[in-house]
């Protein structure tokens, strides 16, 4: 049996990525992000409900955070 994995391609996915796990913990103290998160990729990457990205960005900005939003493939 081979250890190779078949790549999986997802469409309409939003990822919240931070520089390190501590930054994510600090963000969670400032903003309740659990309602926006639908999965975890790693300690620094979370899958965000794509329909709620705008609301999450607005919430982060209201707390003085400056998220960088990058759309790919539009």
Protein backbone atom coordinates (compact mmCIF):
# COMPACT_ATOMS: atom_id res chain seq x y z
CA UNK A 1 0.00 0.00 0.00
CA UNK A 2 1.33 3.43 -0.93
CA UNK A 3 1.70 6.33 1.52
CA UNK A 4 0.78 8.80 -1.22
CA UNK A 5 -2.44 10.71 -0.71
CA UNK A 6 -4.74 11.97 -3.40
CA UNK A 7 -5.03 15.76 -3.21
CA UNK A 8 -8.47 17.05 -2.32
CA UNK A 9 -9.73 20.28 -3.87
CA UNK A 10 -12.40 22.30 -2.10
CA UNK A 11 -14.33 25.25 -3.50
CA UNK A 12 -15.77 28.19 -1.58
CA UNK A 13 -13.54 27.73 1.46
CA UNK A 14 -12.46 30.48 3.84
CA UNK A 15 -9.38 30.01 6.00
CA UNK A 16 -8.38 32.08 8.99
CA UNK A 17 -4.58 31.93 9.26
CA UNK A 18 -2.51 33.49 12.02
CA UNK A 19 1.26 33.74 12.52
CA UNK A 20 1.34 31.38 15.50
CA UNK A 21 -0.93 29.53 17.91
CA UNK A 22 -0.48 32.20 20.59
CA UNK A 23 -1.90 34.83 18.22
CA UNK A 24 -4.99 32.68 17.71
CA UNK A 25 -5.47 32.28 21.47
CA UNK A 26 -5.11 36.04 21.96
CA UNK A 27 -7.65 36.69 19.20
CA UNK A 28 -10.09 34.28 20.83
CA UNK A 29 -9.81 36.27 24.07
CA UNK A 30 -10.81 39.46 22.23
CA UNK A 31 -13.44 38.03 19.90
CA UNK A 32 -15.78 35.07 20.18
CA UNK A 33 -14.85 33.31 16.94
CA UNK A 34 -16.33 29.88 17.71
CA UNK A 35 -19.59 30.70 15.92
CA UNK A 36 -17.65 31.38 12.71
CA UNK A 37 -15.39 28.31 12.73
CA UNK A 38 -16.45 25.09 11.03
CA UNK A 39 -13.15 23.21 11.19
CA UNK A 40 -9.48 23.22 12.15
CA UNK A 41 -6.63 22.60 9.77
CA UNK A 42 -3.80 23.20 12.24
CA UNK A 43 -2.92 25.25 15.34
CA UNK A 44 -2.65 28.32 13.12
CA UNK A 45 -5.32 27.69 10.47
CA UNK A 46 -9.08 27.44 10.94
CA UNK A 47 -11.83 26.89 8.39
CA UNK A 48 -14.37 29.71 8.52
CA UNK A 49 -17.97 29.51 7.36
CA UNK A 50 -17.68 31.23 3.95
CA UNK A 51 -21.10 32.82 4.36
CA UNK A 52 -19.92 34.56 7.53
CA UNK A 53 -16.50 35.90 6.48
CA UNK A 54 -17.77 39.47 6.14
CA UNK A 55 -19.33 39.38 9.63
CA UNK A 56 -16.11 37.96 11.10
CA UNK A 57 -14.01 40.65 9.43
CA UNK A 58 -16.33 43.35 10.77
CA UNK A 59 -16.15 41.88 14.27
CA UNK A 60 -12.35 41.68 14.18
CA UNK A 61 -12.09 45.26 12.93
CA UNK A 62 -14.45 46.47 15.67
CA UNK A 63 -11.97 45.04 18.20
CA UNK A 64 -9.04 46.88 16.64
CA UNK A 65 -7.69 43.95 14.66
CA UNK A 66 -6.80 44.35 10.99
CA UNK A 67 -7.49 41.12 9.09
CA UNK A 68 -6.08 40.76 5.61
CA UNK A 69 -8.68 39.21 3.31
CA UNK A 70 -7.47 37.66 0.11
CA UNK A 71 -9.84 36.13 -2.40
CA UNK A 72 -8.44 33.54 -4.75
CA UNK A 73 -9.98 32.29 -7.97
CA UNK A 74 -12.65 34.94 -8.46
